[in-house]
Protein backbone atom coordinates (compact mmCIF):
# COMPACT_ATOMS: atom_id res chain seq x y z
CA MET A 1 32.22 15.32 -50.89
CA ILE A 2 30.84 11.88 -49.99
CA VAL A 3 33.28 11.63 -47.07
CA LYS A 4 32.13 15.00 -45.68
CA SER A 5 28.46 14.03 -46.04
CA LEU A 6 29.07 10.64 -44.45
CA SER A 7 31.06 12.24 -41.62
CA ALA A 8 28.34 14.80 -41.01
CA ALA A 9 25.65 12.08 -40.99
CA VAL A 10 27.62 9.92 -38.56
CA SER A 11 28.25 12.92 -36.29
CA ALA A 12 24.59 13.92 -36.32
CA GLY A 13 23.52 10.34 -35.62
CA LEU A 14 25.98 10.01 -32.77
CA LEU A 15 24.80 13.27 -31.21
CA SER A 16 21.16 12.20 -31.41
CA VAL A 17 21.97 8.84 -29.78
CA LEU A 18 23.89 10.58 -27.00
CA ALA A 19 20.98 12.97 -26.46
CA LEU A 20 18.61 10.02 -26.06
CA ALA A 21 20.93 8.23 -23.65
CA ALA A 22 21.55 11.22 -21.39
CA PRO A 23 19.65 10.85 -18.11
CA ALA A 24 17.25 13.57 -17.15
CA THR A 25 18.79 15.72 -14.46
CA ALA A 26 16.87 16.42 -11.28
CA GLN A 27 15.94 20.02 -10.78
CA ALA A 28 16.68 21.83 -7.53
CA GLY A 29 13.43 22.59 -5.79
CA ASP A 30 11.90 19.22 -6.62
CA VAL A 31 11.26 17.72 -3.19
CA SER A 32 8.57 15.35 -4.48
CA ASN A 33 10.91 12.33 -4.41
CA ALA A 34 12.15 12.96 -0.87
CA THR A 35 11.84 9.99 1.49
CA LEU A 36 12.33 9.47 5.21
CA GLY A 37 13.94 6.22 6.26
CA CYS A 38 14.68 4.87 9.72
CA PHE A 39 16.09 1.96 11.69
CA VAL A 40 16.36 1.07 15.37
CA ASP A 41 20.02 0.42 16.14
CA THR A 42 20.83 -3.18 17.07
CA TYR A 43 24.00 -5.28 17.13
CA ALA A 44 23.09 -6.54 13.64
CA TYR A 45 23.69 -4.71 10.36
CA ASP A 46 20.72 -2.35 10.22
CA THR A 47 19.25 -0.84 7.05
CA LEU A 48 16.84 2.02 6.50
CA SER A 49 13.15 1.29 5.94
CA GLU A 50 10.97 3.98 4.44
CA GLY A 51 8.32 5.42 6.74
CA MET A 52 8.26 2.67 9.39
CA CYS A 53 10.87 0.63 11.18
CA THR A 54 10.65 -1.98 13.91
CA SER A 55 13.11 -3.92 15.98
CA TRP A 56 12.97 -6.57 18.68
CA TRP A 57 15.03 -6.29 21.85
CA THR A 58 16.69 -9.22 23.59
CA PRO A 59 19.68 -9.01 25.95
CA TRP A 60 22.01 -10.30 23.22
CA SER A 61 20.66 -8.33 20.26
CA ALA A 62 20.46 -4.63 21.20
CA ASP A 63 20.92 -2.05 23.93
CA ASP A 64 18.02 -0.66 25.94
CA PRO A 65 17.59 2.21 25.41
CA SER A 66 18.71 2.29 21.81
CA VAL A 67 18.74 4.93 19.06
CA VAL A 68 16.40 5.48 16.13
CA HIS A 69 18.39 6.67 13.12
CA LEU A 70 16.39 8.76 10.65
CA GLU A 71 17.60 9.95 7.26
CA VAL A 72 16.10 12.00 4.43
CA GLY A 73 16.94 10.70 0.97
CA GLY A 74 15.85 11.20 -2.62
CA LEU A 75 16.78 14.88 -2.89
CA PRO A 76 18.57 16.29 -5.93
CA PRO A 77 21.66 18.43 -5.36
CA GLY A 78 20.69 21.75 -3.81
CA THR A 79 20.45 23.61 -0.54
CA TYR A 80 17.79 22.41 1.88
CA SER A 81 16.66 23.15 5.41
CA PHE A 82 15.30 20.46 7.73
CA VAL A 83 13.16 20.88 10.82
CA TRP A 84 12.84 17.69 12.89
CA ARG A 85 9.88 17.39 15.28
CA ASP A 86 8.30 14.80 17.53
CA THR A 87 5.02 14.07 15.73
CA ASP A 88 3.08 13.67 18.99
CA THR A 89 4.34 16.73 20.91
CA GLY A 90 5.55 19.07 18.17
CA GLN A 91 8.83 19.59 20.02
CA THR A 92 12.04 19.99 18.02
CA VAL A 93 14.03 16.77 18.38
CA CYS A 94 17.23 17.43 16.43
CA ALA A 95 19.19 20.64 16.40
CA GLY A 96 20.63 22.02 13.21
CA SER A 97 19.55 21.50 9.67
CA THR A 98 20.89 18.15 8.47
CA THR A 99 19.57 15.16 6.53
CA THR A 100 19.94 12.88 9.57
CA CYS A 101 18.54 12.73 13.08
CA GLY A 102 19.04 10.33 16.00
CA ARG A 103 16.42 9.82 18.71
CA ALA A 104 16.42 7.72 21.86
CA ILE A 105 13.99 4.82 22.07
CA SER A 106 13.30 2.39 24.90
CA VAL A 107 11.95 -1.13 24.76
CA SER A 108 8.15 -1.32 24.41
CA SER A 109 7.87 2.19 23.01
CA THR A 110 7.17 3.96 19.75
CA VAL A 111 8.81 7.12 18.42
CA ARG A 112 7.06 9.18 15.75
CA THR A 113 9.04 11.80 13.85
CA THR A 114 8.09 14.45 11.31
CA VAL A 115 10.64 16.32 9.22
CA TYR A 116 9.85 19.40 7.19
CA VAL A 117 12.13 19.66 4.15
CA GLN A 118 12.44 22.96 2.31
CA ASP A 119 14.46 23.85 -0.77
CA VAL A 120 16.09 27.10 0.31
CA GLN A 121 16.29 28.53 -3.23
CA THR A 122 12.73 27.85 -4.40
CA GLY A 123 10.78 27.53 -1.16
CA ALA A 124 9.36 24.14 -2.22
CA THR A 125 8.49 22.11 0.88
CA ARG A 126 7.58 18.57 1.84
CA GLN A 127 6.52 16.98 5.11
CA LEU A 128 7.76 13.43 5.77
CA ASN A 129 6.86 11.09 8.63
CA ALA A 130 8.37 7.95 10.11
CA THR A 131 7.38 5.69 13.00
CA ALA A 132 9.86 3.52 14.89
CA ALA A 133 8.80 0.74 17.27
CA PHE A 134 11.05 -1.19 19.68
CA PHE A 135 9.43 -4.40 20.91
CA ASP A 136 10.38 -6.62 23.83
CA GLY A 137 11.34 -9.98 22.41
CA TYR A 138 12.61 -11.38 25.70
CA HIS A 139 9.78 -11.13 28.25
């Protein structure tokens, strides 16, 4: 009898500890944590910066023109649609509906991009923006 009670108590305690340790799962439709990162491609190892990215051009550090890489992150598993637009003109800049987009950028210019993210199942939406600048570090 004591063994059964002790076993039941240990089992109940273990289950309650496991319940406390279990991470909260993200819910599909929650686009509130979505982020838009970017980097201007150079010969160096480039990493995404949220919302704004800058790079300096010199003949030995990057091509001119180069590419701005944009990527949406922070989404839980689910089905999403993405519409990529030039923030200044409203024109679509990337075909298809993917989490990434590449845009051309020349030295001494700025590229502004807006992506509209929508959870296909719930209709929840979020607008994200990023600005990329490519400066002349040579002249």
